[in-house]
Amino acid sequence: PDMYPGNCWAFKGSQGYLVVRLSMKIHPTAFTVEHIPKTLSPTGNISSAPRNFSVYGLDDEYQKDGKLLGQYVYDQEGESLQMFPVMERDENAFQIVELRILSNWGHAEYTCLYRFRVHGKPA
């Protein structure tokens, strides 16, 4: 609900995934990832921020491999809210989207995700 340091979804290590069910099927057009800026970090760095990640469209929550919609890098030197366009266009609409975080910016113990949004057009 807010962007205070520590109010994030944290998971152990540098790799993890999140599956989101949207309110309706959409044709995804972009994704946003948000992390606190360095200026709000108590340590002055955001090494727990996601670095490399990919996004997949799924037909159902049990699907092992979905349709790759793009591979991205969150820039720790950029704005705290970053938007990434869909790289792999697909004519299919999706109600379920998977975010796979592949690495962070160097934090050895955990990774923090503050916000993940899916943008698109209703199917």
C-alpha atoms as a PDB file:
ATOM      1  CA  PRO A   1       0.000   0.000   0.000  1.00  0.00           C
ATOM      2  CA  ASP A   2       2.961   2.371   0.411  1.00  0.00           C
ATOM      3  CA  MET A   3       6.612   2.758  -0.539  1.00  0.00           C
ATOM      4  CA  TYR A   4       8.257   2.808   2.893  1.00  0.00           C
ATOM      5  CA  PRO A   5      11.545   0.900   3.231  1.00  0.00           C
ATOM      6  CA  GLY A   6      10.817  -2.702   4.170  1.00  0.00           C
ATOM      7  CA  ASN A   7       7.159  -2.691   3.053  1.00  0.00           C
ATOM      8  CA  CYS A   8       7.926  -5.076   0.220  1.00  0.00           C
ATOM      9  CA  TRP A   9       7.444  -8.663  -0.833  1.00  0.00           C
ATOM     10  CA  ALA A  10      10.793 -10.165   0.165  1.00  0.00           C
ATOM     11  CA  PHE A  11      12.028 -13.632  -0.668  1.00  0.00           C
ATOM     12  CA  LYS A  12      15.185 -15.505   0.255  1.00  0.00           C
ATOM     13  CA  GLY A  13      18.028 -15.372  -2.244  1.00  0.00           C
ATOM     14  CA  SER A  14      18.199 -13.675  -5.620  1.00  0.00           C
ATOM     15  CA  GLN A  15      15.760 -15.823  -7.609  1.00  0.00           C
ATOM     16  CA  GLY A  16      12.031 -16.162  -7.192  1.00  0.00           C
ATOM     17  CA  TYR A  17       8.735 -15.923  -8.987  1.00  0.00           C
ATOM     18  CA  LEU A  18       5.312 -14.410  -8.548  1.00  0.00           C
ATOM     19  CA  VAL A  19       2.114 -15.443 -10.325  1.00  0.00           C
ATOM     20  CA  VAL A  20      -0.668 -12.863 -10.610  1.00  0.00           C
ATOM     21  CA  ARG A  21      -4.273 -13.466 -11.650  1.00  0.00           C
ATOM     22  CA  LEU A  22      -5.714 -10.354 -13.275  1.00  0.00           C
ATOM     23  CA  SER A  23      -9.364  -9.347 -12.984  1.00  0.00           C
ATOM     24  CA  MET A  24      -9.895 -10.120 -16.689  1.00  0.00           C
ATOM     25  CA  LYS A  25      -8.083 -11.439 -19.756  1.00  0.00           C
ATOM     26  CA  ILE A  26      -5.946  -8.781 -21.400  1.00  0.00           C
ATOM     27  CA  HIS A  27      -3.495  -8.354 -24.244  1.00  0.00           C
ATOM     28  CA  PRO A  28      -0.423  -7.212 -22.244  1.00  0.00           C
ATOM     29  CA  THR A  29       1.358  -4.115 -23.549  1.00  0.00           C
ATOM     30  CA  ALA A  30       3.792  -3.273 -20.733  1.00  0.00           C
ATOM     31  CA  PHE A  31       4.883  -4.027 -17.167  1.00  0.00           C
ATOM     32  CA  THR A  32       6.097  -1.785 -14.396  1.00  0.00           C
ATOM     33  CA  VAL A  33       8.431  -2.715 -11.561  1.00  0.00           C
ATOM     34  CA  GLU A  34       8.864  -0.416  -8.585  1.00  0.00           C
ATOM     35  CA  HIS A  35      11.446  -0.357  -5.802  1.00  0.00           C
ATOM     36  CA  ILE A  36      12.306   2.369  -3.304  1.00  0.00           C
ATOM     37  CA  PRO A  37      14.878   4.907  -4.541  1.00  0.00           C
ATOM     38  CA  LYS A  38      18.384   4.883  -3.083  1.00  0.00           C
ATOM     39  CA  THR A  39      17.597   8.158  -1.287  1.00  0.00           C
ATOM     40  CA  LEU A  40      14.953   6.393   0.848  1.00  0.00           C
ATOM     41  CA  SER A  41      17.100   3.356   1.606  1.00  0.00           C
ATOM     42  CA  PRO A  42      18.492   3.302   5.176  1.00  0.00           C
ATOM     43  CA  THR A  43      21.761   1.847   3.803  1.00  0.00           C
ATOM     44  CA  GLY A  44      21.987   4.197   0.801  1.00  0.00           C
ATOM     45  CA  ASN A  45      21.887   1.306  -1.662  1.00  0.00           C
ATOM     46  CA  ILE A  46      19.208  -0.879  -3.202  1.00  0.00           C
ATOM     47  CA  SER A  47      21.166  -4.094  -3.673  1.00  0.00           C
ATOM     48  CA  SER A  48      17.997  -6.067  -2.814  1.00  0.00           C
ATOM     49  CA  ALA A  49      16.189  -4.668  -5.886  1.00  0.00           C
ATOM     50  CA  PRO A  50      15.441  -7.066  -8.758  1.00  0.00           C
ATOM     51  CA  ARG A  51      17.966  -6.878 -11.589  1.00  0.00           C
ATOM     52  CA  ASN A  52      17.277  -9.374 -14.389  1.00  0.00           C
ATOM     53  CA  PHE A  53      13.718 -10.605 -14.787  1.00  0.00           C
ATOM     54  CA  SER A  54      11.348 -12.077 -17.333  1.00  0.00           C
ATOM     55  CA  VAL A  55       7.573 -12.057 -17.685  1.00  0.00           C
ATOM     56  CA  TYR A  56       5.367 -14.854 -19.027  1.00  0.00           C
ATOM     57  CA  GLY A  57       1.705 -15.125 -19.958  1.00  0.00           C
ATOM     58  CA  LEU A  58       0.034 -18.280 -18.649  1.00  0.00           C
ATOM     59  CA  ASP A  59      -3.142 -20.091 -19.694  1.00  0.00           C
ATOM     60  CA  ASP A  60      -3.611 -21.398 -16.125  1.00  0.00           C
ATOM     61  CA  GLU A  61      -1.731 -21.227 -12.826  1.00  0.00           C
ATOM     62  CA  TYR A  62      -0.491 -24.818 -13.164  1.00  0.00           C
ATOM     63  CA  GLN A  63       1.211 -24.279 -16.526  1.00  0.00           C
ATOM     64  CA  LYS A  64       4.944 -24.910 -16.177  1.00  0.00           C
ATOM     65  CA  ASP A  65       6.182 -22.873 -19.141  1.00  0.00           C
ATOM     66  CA  GLY A  66       4.148 -19.945 -20.345  1.00  0.00           C
ATOM     67  CA  LYS A  67       4.572 -17.638 -23.323  1.00  0.00           C
ATOM     68  CA  LEU A  68       7.630 -15.412 -22.884  1.00  0.00           C
ATOM     69  CA  LEU A  69       6.538 -11.780 -23.115  1.00  0.00           C
ATOM     70  CA  GLY A  70       9.949 -10.250 -22.484  1.00  0.00           C
ATOM     71  CA  GLN A  71      13.262 -10.252 -20.634  1.00  0.00           C
ATOM     72  CA  TYR A  72      14.304  -7.081 -18.845  1.00  0.00           C
ATOM     73  CA  VAL A  73      16.763  -5.355 -16.530  1.00  0.00           C
ATOM     74  CA  TYR A  74      15.642  -3.066 -13.713  1.00  0.00           C
ATOM     75  CA  ASP A  75      18.164  -0.197 -13.612  1.00  0.00           C
ATOM     76  CA  GLN A  76      19.177   0.576 -10.015  1.00  0.00           C
ATOM     77  CA  GLU A  77      20.436   3.989 -11.184  1.00  0.00           C
ATOM     78  CA  GLY A  78      17.133   4.817 -12.895  1.00  0.00           C
ATOM     79  CA  GLU A  79      13.777   6.004 -11.621  1.00  0.00           C
ATOM     80  CA  SER A  80      12.199   3.957  -8.837  1.00  0.00           C
ATOM     81  CA  LEU A  81       9.198   3.180 -11.101  1.00  0.00           C
ATOM     82  CA  GLN A  82      10.297   1.686 -14.433  1.00  0.00           C
ATOM     83  CA  MET A  83       8.089   0.628 -17.337  1.00  0.00           C
ATOM     84  CA  PHE A  84       9.000  -2.176 -19.747  1.00  0.00           C
ATOM     85  CA  PRO A  85       7.118  -2.748 -23.026  1.00  0.00           C
ATOM     86  CA  VAL A  86       6.102  -6.248 -24.099  1.00  0.00           C
ATOM     87  CA  MET A  87       8.928  -7.507 -26.314  1.00  0.00           C
ATOM     88  CA  GLU A  88       7.330 -10.691 -27.639  1.00  0.00           C
ATOM     89  CA  ARG A  89       3.910  -9.840 -29.054  1.00  0.00           C
ATOM     90  CA  ASP A  90       1.324 -12.601 -28.893  1.00  0.00           C
ATOM     91  CA  GLU A  91      -2.216 -12.651 -30.257  1.00  0.00           C
ATOM     92  CA  ASN A  92      -3.351 -14.541 -27.144  1.00  0.00           C
ATOM     93  CA  ALA A  93      -4.886 -12.767 -24.184  1.00  0.00           C
ATOM     94  CA  PHE A  94      -3.829 -13.723 -20.664  1.00  0.00           C
ATOM     95  CA  GLN A  95      -5.455 -13.489 -17.264  1.00  0.00           C
ATOM     96  CA  ILE A  96      -2.461 -14.994 -15.476  1.00  0.00           C
ATOM     97  CA  VAL A  97       1.020 -13.459 -15.612  1.00  0.00           C
ATOM     98  CA  GLU A  98       4.227 -14.797 -14.087  1.00  0.00           C
ATOM     99  CA  LEU A  99       7.126 -12.566 -13.039  1.00  0.00           C
ATOM    100  CA  ARG A 100      10.410 -14.498 -12.743  1.00  0.00           C
ATOM    101  CA  ILE A 101      13.187 -12.653 -10.967  1.00  0.00           C
ATOM    102  CA  LEU A 102      16.502 -14.111 -12.100  1.00  0.00           C
ATOM    103  CA  SER A 103      18.928 -11.931 -10.100  1.00  0.00           C
ATOM    104  CA  ASN A 104      19.161  -8.911  -7.827  1.00  0.00           C
ATOM    105  CA  TRP A 105      21.717  -6.096  -7.499  1.00  0.00           C
ATOM    106  CA  GLY A 106      24.008  -8.036  -5.151  1.00  0.00           C
ATOM    107  CA  HIS A 107      22.191  -8.578  -1.855  1.00  0.00           C
ATOM    108  CA  ALA A 108      23.310 -11.994  -0.620  1.00  0.00           C
ATOM    109  CA  GLU A 109      20.331 -12.800   1.618  1.00  0.00           C
ATOM    110  CA  TYR A 110      17.113 -11.611  -0.040  1.00  0.00           C
ATOM    111  CA  THR A 111      15.382  -9.737  -2.863  1.00  0.00           C
ATOM    112  CA  CYS A 112      12.621  -7.132  -2.370  1.00  0.00           C
ATOM    113  CA  LEU A 113       9.826  -6.295  -4.780  1.00  0.00           C
ATOM    114  CA  TYR A 114       7.676  -3.287  -3.929  1.00  0.00           C
ATOM    115  CA  ARG A 115       5.262  -3.187  -6.856  1.00  0.00           C
ATOM    116  CA  PHE A 116       4.660  -5.112 -10.071  1.00  0.00           C
ATOM    117  CA  ARG A 117       1.965  -3.933 -12.482  1.00  0.00           C
ATOM    118  CA  VAL A 118       0.623  -5.371 -15.721  1.00  0.00           C
ATOM    119  CA  HIS A 119      -0.706  -2.978 -18.376  1.00  0.00           C
ATOM    120  CA  GLY A 120      -2.762  -3.972 -21.371  1.00  0.00           C
ATOM    121  CA  LYS A 121      -5.940  -3.860 -23.384  1.00  0.00           C
ATOM    122  CA  PRO A 122      -9.016  -5.892 -22.374  1.00  0.00           C
ATOM    123  CA  ALA A 123      -9.565  -8.951 -24.563  1.00  0.00           C
END
